[in-house]
Protein backbone atom coordinates (compact mmCIF):
# COMPACT_ATOMS: atom_id res chain seq x y z
CA MET A 1 69.89 -30.11 23.34
CA ASP A 2 68.52 -27.74 25.97
CA VAL A 3 64.71 -27.94 26.14
CA SER A 4 64.61 -24.92 28.45
CA ARG A 5 66.11 -22.73 25.76
CA MET A 6 64.36 -20.75 23.03
CA TYR A 7 66.24 -21.58 19.82
CA ASP A 8 66.19 -19.22 16.88
CA VAL A 9 65.72 -21.96 14.28
CA LEU A 10 64.54 -25.54 14.73
CA ILE A 11 65.32 -27.94 11.88
CA LEU A 12 63.24 -31.12 11.68
CA GLY A 13 65.06 -33.76 9.66
CA GLY A 14 68.63 -34.84 9.07
CA GLY A 15 69.15 -35.18 5.31
CA ASN A 16 70.50 -32.90 2.60
CA ALA A 17 67.74 -30.27 2.74
CA ALA A 18 67.80 -30.12 6.55
CA LEU A 19 71.57 -29.72 6.65
CA CYS A 20 71.59 -27.02 3.97
CA ALA A 21 68.99 -25.12 6.00
CA ALA A 22 70.84 -25.63 9.28
CA ILE A 23 74.22 -24.51 7.92
CA THR A 24 72.68 -21.51 6.17
CA ALA A 25 70.79 -20.36 9.27
CA ARG A 26 73.82 -20.84 11.49
CA ARG A 27 76.09 -18.93 9.12
CA ALA A 28 73.57 -16.09 9.41
CA GLY A 29 74.36 -15.99 13.12
CA ARG A 30 71.29 -17.75 14.50
CA SER A 31 71.15 -20.47 17.14
CA VAL A 32 70.14 -23.69 15.37
CA LEU A 33 68.99 -27.07 16.64
CA LEU A 34 68.65 -29.99 14.21
CA LEU A 35 66.55 -33.00 15.19
CA GLU A 36 67.30 -36.28 13.41
CA CYS A 37 64.80 -39.02 14.33
CA ALA A 38 67.21 -41.76 13.24
CA PRO A 39 70.18 -42.95 15.29
CA LYS A 40 73.52 -41.45 14.33
CA HIS A 41 74.63 -44.40 12.18
CA PHE A 42 71.43 -44.09 10.09
CA ARG A 43 71.48 -40.30 9.84
CA GLY A 44 70.87 -38.56 6.54
CA GLY A 45 67.58 -39.98 5.33
CA ASN A 46 67.47 -40.84 1.64
CA SER A 47 70.39 -38.51 0.99
CA ARG A 48 72.67 -41.32 2.16
CA HIS A 49 71.75 -43.24 -0.97
CA THR A 50 72.09 -40.50 -3.57
CA ARG A 51 74.98 -40.15 -5.98
CA ASN A 52 74.58 -36.88 -7.84
CA LEU A 53 72.96 -33.50 -8.36
CA ARG A 54 71.35 -32.42 -11.64
CA CYS A 55 72.91 -29.09 -12.63
CA MET A 56 72.24 -26.44 -15.25
CA HIS A 57 75.38 -24.97 -16.83
CA ASP A 58 76.09 -23.05 -20.01
CA ALA A 59 79.57 -24.46 -20.66
CA PRO A 60 81.78 -27.33 -19.46
CA SER A 61 82.46 -26.90 -15.75
CA ASP A 62 84.79 -29.08 -13.63
CA VAL A 63 83.11 -32.53 -13.68
CA LEU A 64 80.30 -31.51 -16.07
CA THR A 65 80.71 -31.81 -19.84
CA GLU A 66 79.27 -29.70 -22.67
CA ALA A 67 76.29 -27.53 -21.62
CA TYR A 68 72.90 -28.08 -20.01
CA PRO A 69 71.04 -24.76 -20.18
CA GLU A 70 68.07 -23.77 -18.08
CA GLU A 71 65.52 -24.16 -20.84
CA GLU A 72 66.59 -27.71 -21.66
CA TYR A 73 66.48 -28.63 -17.96
CA TRP A 74 63.00 -27.10 -17.70
CA GLN A 75 61.74 -28.91 -20.80
CA ASP A 76 63.10 -32.20 -19.50
CA LEU A 77 61.15 -31.60 -16.29
CA VAL A 78 57.96 -30.69 -18.15
CA LYS A 79 58.24 -33.87 -20.19
CA VAL A 80 58.60 -36.25 -17.24
CA THR A 81 55.93 -34.50 -15.15
CA GLY A 82 53.48 -34.05 -17.99
CA GLY A 83 53.36 -30.38 -17.02
CA GLU A 84 52.30 -31.16 -13.45
CA THR A 85 54.79 -28.77 -11.85
CA ASP A 86 54.89 -25.25 -10.46
CA GLU A 87 57.08 -23.49 -13.01
CA ARG A 88 58.06 -20.66 -10.68
CA LEU A 89 59.32 -23.01 -7.98
CA ALA A 90 60.87 -25.40 -10.48
CA ARG A 91 62.90 -22.65 -12.11
CA ILE A 92 64.10 -21.47 -8.70
CA ALA A 93 65.49 -24.94 -8.05
CA ILE A 94 66.97 -25.20 -11.54
CA ARG A 95 68.71 -21.83 -11.38
CA HIS A 96 70.13 -22.54 -7.94
CA THR A 97 72.02 -25.53 -9.34
CA ALA A 98 74.11 -23.23 -11.51
CA THR A 99 75.94 -21.85 -8.47
CA CYS A 100 75.41 -24.20 -5.52
CA ARG A 101 78.42 -26.45 -6.19
CA GLU A 102 80.88 -23.84 -4.93
CA TRP A 103 78.92 -23.54 -1.67
CA MET A 104 78.89 -27.33 -1.40
CA LYS A 105 82.66 -27.48 -1.88
CA GLN A 106 83.15 -24.85 0.82
CA HIS A 107 81.35 -27.21 3.21
CA GLY A 108 83.37 -30.30 2.40
CA VAL A 109 81.59 -31.90 -0.56
CA ARG A 110 83.83 -33.20 -3.32
CA PHE A 111 82.87 -34.12 -6.87
CA GLN A 112 84.07 -36.67 -9.39
CA PRO A 113 83.40 -37.42 -13.08
CA SER A 114 80.34 -39.55 -13.80
CA LEU A 115 80.77 -43.26 -13.29
CA GLY A 116 81.02 -45.70 -16.17
CA GLY A 117 77.66 -47.33 -16.88
CA THR A 118 75.60 -44.52 -15.36
CA LEU A 119 74.10 -43.78 -18.78
CA HIS A 120 74.16 -40.29 -20.29
CA LEU A 121 74.73 -38.29 -17.09
CA SER A 122 78.15 -36.68 -17.62
CA ARG A 123 76.50 -33.64 -19.20
CA THR A 124 73.67 -33.14 -16.73
CA ASN A 125 74.69 -34.49 -13.31
CA ALA A 126 77.57 -33.77 -10.95
CA PHE A 127 78.56 -36.89 -9.00
CA PHE A 128 79.65 -36.80 -5.36
CA LEU A 129 83.01 -38.33 -4.53
CA GLY A 130 82.12 -41.05 -2.03
CA GLY A 131 78.41 -40.81 -2.82
CA GLY A 132 75.63 -39.53 -0.63
CA LYS A 133 77.08 -40.78 2.63
CA ALA A 134 80.25 -38.75 2.05
CA LEU A 135 78.12 -35.67 1.32
CA ILE A 136 76.10 -36.19 4.50
CA ASN A 137 79.22 -36.71 6.61
CA ALA A 138 80.77 -33.54 5.18
CA TYR A 139 77.69 -31.48 5.98
CA TYR A 140 77.41 -32.82 9.52
CA ALA A 141 81.07 -32.02 10.12
CA ALA A 142 80.53 -28.50 8.78
CA ALA A 143 77.37 -28.01 10.86
CA GLU A 144 79.06 -29.18 14.05
CA LYS A 145 82.08 -26.95 13.42
CA LEU A 146 79.76 -23.97 13.00
CA GLY A 147 77.97 -24.74 16.27
CA VAL A 148 74.72 -26.29 15.08
CA ALA A 149 73.27 -28.36 17.92
CA ILE A 150 72.31 -31.86 16.76
CA ALA A 151 70.08 -34.39 18.54
CA TYR A 152 69.75 -37.94 17.24
CA ASP A 153 66.94 -40.40 18.01
CA THR A 154 64.78 -37.32 18.53
CA GLU A 155 61.47 -36.88 16.72
CA ALA A 156 58.90 -34.11 16.66
CA VAL A 157 55.59 -35.85 17.29
CA ASP A 158 53.43 -32.72 17.27
CA LEU A 159 53.69 -29.02 16.46
CA GLU A 160 51.88 -26.20 18.20
CA ILE A 161 50.65 -24.01 15.35
CA HIS A 162 48.03 -21.29 15.76
CA ASP A 163 46.78 -19.12 12.92
CA GLY A 164 49.61 -20.44 10.73
CA ARG A 165 52.31 -19.53 13.24
CA PHE A 166 54.62 -22.07 14.90
CA HIS A 167 55.18 -21.86 18.67
CA SER A 168 56.66 -25.12 19.89
CA ALA A 169 57.33 -28.77 19.09
CA SER A 170 56.41 -31.76 21.21
CA LEU A 171 59.16 -34.37 21.12
CA ASN A 172 59.32 -38.05 21.89
CA GLY A 173 59.91 -38.55 25.60
CA ASN A 174 57.24 -35.96 26.55
CA ARG A 175 59.55 -33.03 25.96
CA VAL A 176 58.55 -29.63 24.56
CA LEU A 177 60.88 -27.36 22.64
CA ARG A 178 60.33 -23.73 21.66
CA ALA A 179 61.83 -21.94 18.67
CA LYS A 180 61.25 -18.74 16.75
CA ALA A 181 61.05 -20.56 13.41
CA VAL A 182 60.87 -24.14 12.20
CA VAL A 183 62.02 -25.84 9.01
CA ALA A 184 60.27 -29.12 8.17
CA ALA A 185 62.63 -31.31 6.15
CA THR A 186 61.50 -34.76 7.29
CA GLY A 187 60.75 -36.37 3.93
CA GLY A 188 57.61 -38.12 2.78
CA PHE A 189 55.59 -41.03 4.19
CA GLU A 190 57.02 -43.88 2.13
CA SER A 191 58.24 -45.88 5.15
CA ASN A 192 54.74 -45.86 6.66
CA LEU A 193 53.35 -49.09 5.21
CA GLU A 194 49.85 -48.46 6.55
CA TRP A 195 49.72 -45.05 4.85
CA LEU A 196 51.05 -46.56 1.62
CA LYS A 197 48.32 -49.18 1.76
CA ARG A 198 45.64 -46.53 2.27
CA ALA A 199 46.87 -44.87 -0.91
CA TRP A 200 47.58 -47.96 -3.03
CA GLY A 201 45.43 -50.71 -1.57
CA ASP A 202 46.70 -54.28 -1.37
CA ALA A 203 49.30 -53.62 -4.10
CA ALA A 204 51.38 -51.81 -1.48
CA ASP A 205 52.08 -55.13 0.23
CA ASN A 206 54.45 -55.90 -2.63
CA PHE A 207 56.29 -52.57 -2.56
CA ILE A 208 59.86 -52.35 -1.36
CA VAL A 209 60.98 -49.17 0.42
CA ARG A 210 64.22 -48.37 -1.35
CA GLY A 211 65.20 -45.63 1.09
CA THR A 212 65.32 -44.93 4.80
CA PRO A 213 62.95 -46.78 7.16
CA TYR A 214 62.54 -43.59 9.21
CA ASN A 215 60.37 -41.50 6.85
CA MET A 216 57.06 -42.27 8.54
CA GLY A 217 55.38 -38.99 7.57
CA ARG A 218 54.70 -37.85 11.13
CA VAL A 219 55.56 -34.17 10.59
CA LEU A 220 53.87 -34.22 7.18
CA LYS A 221 50.63 -35.46 8.76
CA VAL A 222 50.84 -32.87 11.53
CA LEU A 223 51.27 -30.02 9.05
CA LEU A 224 48.33 -31.19 6.95
CA ASP A 225 46.17 -31.74 10.03
CA LYS A 226 47.05 -28.24 11.27
CA GLY A 227 45.77 -26.65 8.07
CA ALA A 228 48.66 -26.61 5.61
CA LYS A 229 47.45 -26.56 2.02
CA ARG A 230 48.25 -29.89 0.43
CA VAL A 231 49.80 -30.53 -2.95
CA GLY A 232 50.49 -33.80 -4.69
CA ASP A 233 48.83 -37.17 -5.12
CA PRO A 234 49.56 -39.74 -2.36
CA THR A 235 50.04 -42.41 -5.03
CA GLN A 236 52.71 -40.38 -6.84
CA GLY A 237 56.36 -40.54 -5.93
CA HIS A 238 59.88 -41.49 -6.94
CA CYS A 239 59.26 -45.18 -7.59
CA VAL A 240 61.73 -47.26 -9.58
CA ALA A 241 62.08 -50.87 -10.66
CA ILE A 242 64.41 -52.65 -8.26
CA ASP A 243 65.49 -56.22 -7.81
CA ALA A 244 62.68 -58.22 -6.21
CA ARG A 245 65.24 -59.84 -3.89
CA SER A 246 66.00 -56.51 -2.20
CA PRO A 247 65.44 -56.00 1.53
CA LYS A 248 62.12 -54.47 2.55
CA PHE A 249 63.82 -51.23 3.68
CA ASP A 250 66.99 -49.27 2.96
CA GLY A 251 68.46 -51.27 0.07
CA GLY A 252 69.45 -48.03 -1.61
CA ILE A 253 70.62 -47.29 -5.12
CA VAL A 254 72.52 -50.55 -5.59
CA THR A 255 69.23 -52.46 -5.82
CA ARG A 256 68.09 -50.58 -8.94
CA VAL A 257 68.08 -52.56 -12.18
CA ASP A 258 69.37 -50.46 -15.10
CA ALA A 259 69.16 -53.17 -17.77
CA VAL A 260 65.59 -52.29 -18.78
CA SER A 261 66.39 -50.22 -21.87
CA LEU A 262 68.80 -52.86 -23.19
CA GLY A 263 66.26 -55.68 -23.46
CA ILE A 264 62.59 -56.33 -22.83
CA VAL A 265 60.46 -56.39 -19.69
CA VAL A 266 57.62 -58.88 -19.23
CA ASN A 267 55.05 -59.47 -16.50
CA ARG A 268 54.42 -62.77 -14.75
CA HIS A 269 52.37 -63.95 -17.75
CA GLY A 270 55.37 -63.40 -20.04
CA ALA A 271 53.83 -60.36 -21.77
CA ARG A 272 55.53 -57.04 -22.50
CA PHE A 273 53.60 -54.00 -21.27
CA TYR A 274 55.56 -50.80 -22.06
CA ASP A 275 58.15 -49.29 -24.43
CA GLU A 276 61.52 -50.06 -22.85
CA GLY A 277 63.33 -47.65 -25.18
CA GLU A 278 61.06 -44.62 -24.93
CA ASP A 279 63.79 -42.18 -23.87
CA PHE A 280 67.14 -41.98 -22.13
CA TRP A 281 67.16 -44.05 -18.95
CA PRO A 282 67.80 -41.12 -16.53
CA LYS A 283 64.56 -39.56 -17.79
CA ARG A 284 62.53 -42.78 -17.63
CA TYR A 285 63.92 -45.02 -14.89
CA ALA A 286 61.56 -43.54 -12.28
CA ILE A 287 58.40 -44.46 -14.21
CA TRP A 288 59.16 -48.16 -14.09
CA GLY A 289 58.26 -48.59 -10.44
CA ARG A 290 54.70 -47.45 -11.14
CA LEU A 291 54.58 -49.56 -14.30
CA VAL A 292 55.57 -52.67 -12.37
CA ALA A 293 53.09 -51.71 -9.62
CA GLY A 294 50.34 -51.87 -12.24
CA GLN A 295 51.15 -55.44 -13.27
CA PRO A 296 49.61 -58.59 -11.76
CA GLY A 297 51.21 -59.31 -8.42
CA GLN A 298 53.39 -56.18 -8.77
CA ILE A 299 56.16 -58.27 -10.35
CA ALA A 300 58.01 -58.07 -13.68
CA TYR A 301 61.20 -59.39 -15.26
CA SER A 302 63.97 -57.65 -17.20
CA ILE A 303 65.28 -59.96 -19.95
CA ILE A 304 68.59 -59.37 -21.75
CA ASP A 305 71.20 -61.39 -23.61
CA ALA A 306 74.99 -61.50 -23.57
CA LYS A 307 75.26 -58.42 -25.84
CA ALA A 308 73.85 -56.19 -23.10
CA MET A 309 76.19 -57.25 -20.32
CA GLY A 310 78.76 -54.62 -19.39
CA LYS A 311 76.68 -51.74 -20.73
CA PHE A 312 74.89 -50.84 -17.48
CA MET A 313 75.78 -50.43 -13.82
CA PRO A 314 75.32 -53.91 -12.34
CA PRO A 315 72.97 -54.13 -9.35
CA VAL A 316 73.96 -55.80 -6.11
CA PHE A 317 72.17 -59.06 -6.94
CA PRO A 318 73.46 -61.27 -9.79
CA PRO A 319 71.03 -62.03 -12.62
CA PHE A 320 69.42 -65.38 -13.26
CA LYS A 321 71.29 -67.01 -16.14
CA ALA A 322 70.51 -69.74 -18.67
CA ALA A 323 71.69 -71.04 -22.02
CA SER A 324 68.19 -70.74 -23.53
CA ILE A 325 65.13 -68.53 -23.18
CA GLY A 326 63.09 -71.51 -22.00
CA GLY A 327 65.71 -72.32 -19.39
CA LEU A 328 65.72 -68.70 -18.21
CA ALA A 329 61.93 -68.77 -17.92
CA THR A 330 62.12 -71.86 -15.74
CA ALA A 331 64.76 -70.23 -13.53
CA LEU A 332 62.55 -67.15 -13.11
CA GLY A 333 59.38 -69.17 -12.47
CA LEU A 334 57.75 -68.10 -15.75
CA ASP A 335 55.92 -70.17 -18.36
CA PRO A 336 58.68 -71.12 -20.86
CA LEU A 337 56.34 -71.04 -23.86
CA ALA A 338 55.04 -67.57 -22.96
CA LEU A 339 58.53 -66.10 -22.61
CA GLU A 340 59.79 -67.83 -25.74
CA THR A 341 56.83 -66.39 -27.65
CA ALA A 342 57.40 -62.87 -26.30
CA VAL A 343 61.08 -62.97 -27.27
CA ALA A 344 60.35 -64.45 -30.70
CA ASP A 345 57.70 -61.79 -31.42
CA PHE A 346 60.08 -59.07 -30.30
CA ASN A 347 62.98 -60.41 -32.36
CA ALA A 348 60.79 -60.63 -35.48
CA ALA A 349 59.75 -57.00 -35.07
CA VAL A 350 63.26 -55.57 -34.70
CA ARG A 351 64.28 -53.47 -37.69
CA PRO A 352 67.94 -53.04 -38.75
CA GLY A 353 69.66 -49.94 -37.37
CA ASN A 354 72.85 -48.54 -35.90
CA PHE A 355 72.83 -49.44 -32.21
CA ASP A 356 74.25 -46.72 -29.99
CA HIS A 357 73.08 -46.58 -26.41
CA THR A 358 74.62 -43.12 -25.91
CA VAL A 359 72.12 -41.48 -28.29
CA LEU A 360 68.48 -41.89 -29.27
CA ASP A 361 69.40 -44.35 -32.01
CA ASP A 362 67.42 -45.74 -34.94
CA CYS A 363 67.08 -49.28 -33.60
CA SER A 364 63.34 -49.81 -33.19
CA THR A 365 60.56 -52.31 -33.70
CA GLU A 366 57.83 -52.36 -36.35
CA ASN A 367 54.25 -53.59 -36.01
CA LEU A 368 54.72 -54.52 -32.37
CA THR A 369 52.56 -53.45 -29.42
CA PRO A 370 53.94 -51.96 -27.30
CA PRO A 371 56.76 -50.77 -29.55
CA LYS A 372 60.37 -50.37 -28.57
CA THR A 373 61.38 -46.95 -29.88
CA HIS A 374 65.16 -47.06 -29.42
CA TRP A 375 67.90 -49.59 -28.65
CA ALA A 376 65.90 -52.52 -30.00
CA ARG A 377 68.25 -55.43 -30.68
CA ARG A 378 67.33 -59.06 -31.11
CA ILE A 379 67.66 -61.09 -27.94
CA ASP A 380 69.50 -63.98 -29.54
CA THR A 381 72.98 -64.31 -28.05
CA PRO A 382 73.35 -66.74 -25.15
CA PRO A 383 73.70 -66.85 -22.29
CA PHE A 384 70.44 -65.11 -21.43
CA PHE A 385 69.90 -63.14 -18.22
CA GLY A 386 66.91 -62.06 -16.17
CA TYR A 387 66.27 -59.81 -13.17
CA PRO A 388 63.00 -60.04 -11.19
CA LEU A 389 61.56 -56.57 -10.53
CA ARG A 390 59.41 -55.02 -7.81
CA PRO A 391 58.29 -51.39 -7.28
CA GLY A 392 60.95 -49.68 -5.18
CA ILE A 393 59.61 -46.50 -3.61
CA THR A 394 62.17 -43.83 -2.69
CA PHE A 395 59.95 -40.95 -1.60
CA THR A 396 56.36 -39.75 -1.93
CA TYR A 397 55.10 -36.48 -3.45
CA LEU A 398 52.22 -35.60 -1.14
CA GLY A 399 53.21 -32.52 0.87
CA PRO A 400 52.46 -28.98 1.98
CA ALA A 401 52.28 -26.18 -0.56
CA VAL A 402 55.10 -23.65 -0.32
CA ASN A 403 55.91 -20.31 -1.92
CA GLU A 404 59.16 -19.05 -3.44
CA ARG A 405 60.46 -18.31 0.08
CA ALA A 406 59.85 -21.92 1.17
CA GLN A 407 57.10 -20.71 3.54
CA VAL A 408 54.34 -23.24 4.09
CA ILE A 409 51.03 -21.99 2.68
CA PHE A 410 47.90 -22.68 4.72
CA GLU A 411 44.42 -23.42 3.47
CA ASP A 412 43.37 -19.79 3.73
CA GLY A 413 46.04 -18.97 1.14
CA ARG A 414 48.35 -17.18 3.55
CA PRO A 415 51.99 -18.19 3.94
CA SER A 416 53.17 -18.91 7.46
CA PRO A 417 55.56 -16.28 8.83
CA ASN A 418 57.74 -18.91 10.53
CA VAL A 419 56.98 -22.40 9.18
CA PHE A 420 59.20 -23.42 6.27
CA ALA A 421 59.58 -26.66 4.33
CA ALA A 422 62.39 -28.06 2.21
CA GLY A 423 63.35 -31.28 0.47
CA GLU A 424 61.22 -34.34 -0.15
CA ILE A 425 58.41 -33.18 2.12
CA MET A 426 57.63 -30.38 -0.36
CA ALA A 427 58.98 -31.92 -3.58
CA GLY A 428 55.44 -32.44 -4.86
CA ASN A 429 55.31 -28.71 -5.58
CA VAL A 430 57.82 -29.36 -8.36
CA LEU A 431 57.20 -33.04 -9.09
CA GLY A 432 53.53 -33.71 -9.72
CA LYS A 433 54.62 -37.03 -11.16
CA GLY A 434 57.71 -38.52 -12.78
CA TYR A 435 61.33 -37.86 -11.97
CA LEU A 436 64.66 -36.78 -13.44
CA ALA A 437 67.86 -38.33 -12.13
CA GLY A 438 69.37 -35.99 -9.53
CA ILE A 439 66.51 -33.50 -9.30
CA GLY A 440 65.58 -34.50 -5.76
CA MET A 441 68.96 -33.22 -4.61
CA SER A 442 68.41 -30.07 -6.68
CA ILE A 443 65.10 -29.36 -4.95
CA GLY A 444 66.46 -30.15 -1.49
CA THR A 445 69.61 -28.08 -1.91
CA ALA A 446 67.81 -25.03 -3.30
CA PHE A 447 64.91 -24.96 -0.88
CA GLY A 448 67.10 -25.98 2.04
CA HIS A 449 69.09 -22.80 1.48
CA ILE A 450 65.98 -20.71 0.97
CA ALA A 451 64.28 -22.11 4.07
CA GLY A 452 67.38 -21.57 6.17
CA GLU A 453 67.66 -17.98 5.01
CA GLY A 454 63.97 -17.32 5.63
CA ALA A 455 64.00 -18.88 9.09
CA ALA A 456 67.11 -16.93 10.06
CA ARG A 457 65.55 -13.71 8.80
CA HIS A 458 62.37 -14.29 10.78
CA ALA A 459 64.30 -15.12 13.96
CA LEU A 460 66.04 -11.73 13.76
CA ALA A 461 62.79 -9.80 13.32
C-alpha cells in the first residue's frame, strides 16, 4: 500500500462483496486497493462462514435441480420480508444470480451438489465446494493475480466527504489515503456489542455473534454521520437460533440448530411460543433468532425424539440426551413437569398424516396454540434429545440507501458520484426483515459487481 499514491478505486472490506467489486474494477483496468481490517488469517468477514448462493434458473443447471424462476424467488422474498423490500433493487440481485456462476467459476470458485440434511435447497441454492473459505481464498488469489493491492489489519476510521463526494480516507496509524472512488463493503455493526445494546437493550447481553468479530460498524457510522440516507431498523438482521454453548464470536454456520421443524421449541418455562412447522426451514430459520430473543432470558430449547435424528445437519455441539422427557428436562435445567405437560399437550393435538419433510406435508396439530402446521409428529420415541438455543446474529440491516448503480444516496436525495456500497452494509435496502437462505451472497455478489463497475467508470471520467 502506497499512501502517497492516488488510487482509482478504494475498496473498504474484505468479504465476498468487496472482492467482487475489487476484481471487477481491476478487470476494467483501474488501480485498486482493498483494505481488510482483519488479519490475513481472519480475512473474508462473514463470507468465510457461508455455504451457498440462492440462484434463479429456468431449468436444471449443473448443481441446481428443476427450476427456480424469478417470480418464485421474488415471492419468496416478499413473504419473508413482509413486503419490506425495494423491489427494483431486489430484482436486480435476483436476476444477477442467473448468470453470475460462470463469472465465479472463471475466478476460481467451484460448486458441488447440495449437502445431505441441508433441507430443500438443491433446487434453489448452489453450494460452494469447500464452503465460504474456499470461495474467499479463490477470490483473493484471483485479485492478487490481477494486481489488486491488498492491505490487512488496515481500517478506515474516517472518510472525508463533502457535498456527497468522497476525497480521502483516514486509516488507523494516522495515515491518509486518497482515491477517485470508494466502495464501502464493510458489513453491519453486529460485532459492536455497545451498539447492539443501544438497539436491543439488556437483551443484547445474551446474543451470540455468529459471524466475524471485526464488523464493528465503523464505516457504516461514518457514512450515516456524513449525511447518507439511512434504511433499515437497527433491531432487524439475519438472526438465527444457535446452540447456546457457542462461542461469543465467530462460531459460524456449524453452531446453527436445524432440528427446530422436526420437534417442538419451548422457553425456559417449558412453554411453546411459535409454529415450528410454518414453512420450509430455509425460509424460516432466520426468524428463530428474533423469536428466541423475545423469550425470557433470551433462551429456548429444541426438543426432538429418536425419529428426528439423522434428518437434519447436526450442529457442532452434541444434544442433551435422556431416556424420558422428565430426564431431558432435568438435563436442560427445565422444570420436568412443565416440559412433560408441553410434550403431552403437543402429542395429544397431533393429527394423523403422511410425514414427509421434503414437502409441506399434512402432519399438523388441532386445537393447539400455537399450532404446528407441518411435520407434526408425536414426540414419543426414546431417547429424547434437546438443544439449548440463543439468538445468533450474523449481520444487521441498518445501512445507507443505495440506487440501482450501488451509489450511496444522501439525505438530500442525490446519489453520490463516487461513493458506492455493496454487501451486508446495504442489505437492508433489500431485506427490511427476514431472510432467505443464500440471499446475502446474492445481494453481495450482484452489488459488488455493480459497485465495482460504477467505481471504475467514475475513475475514468
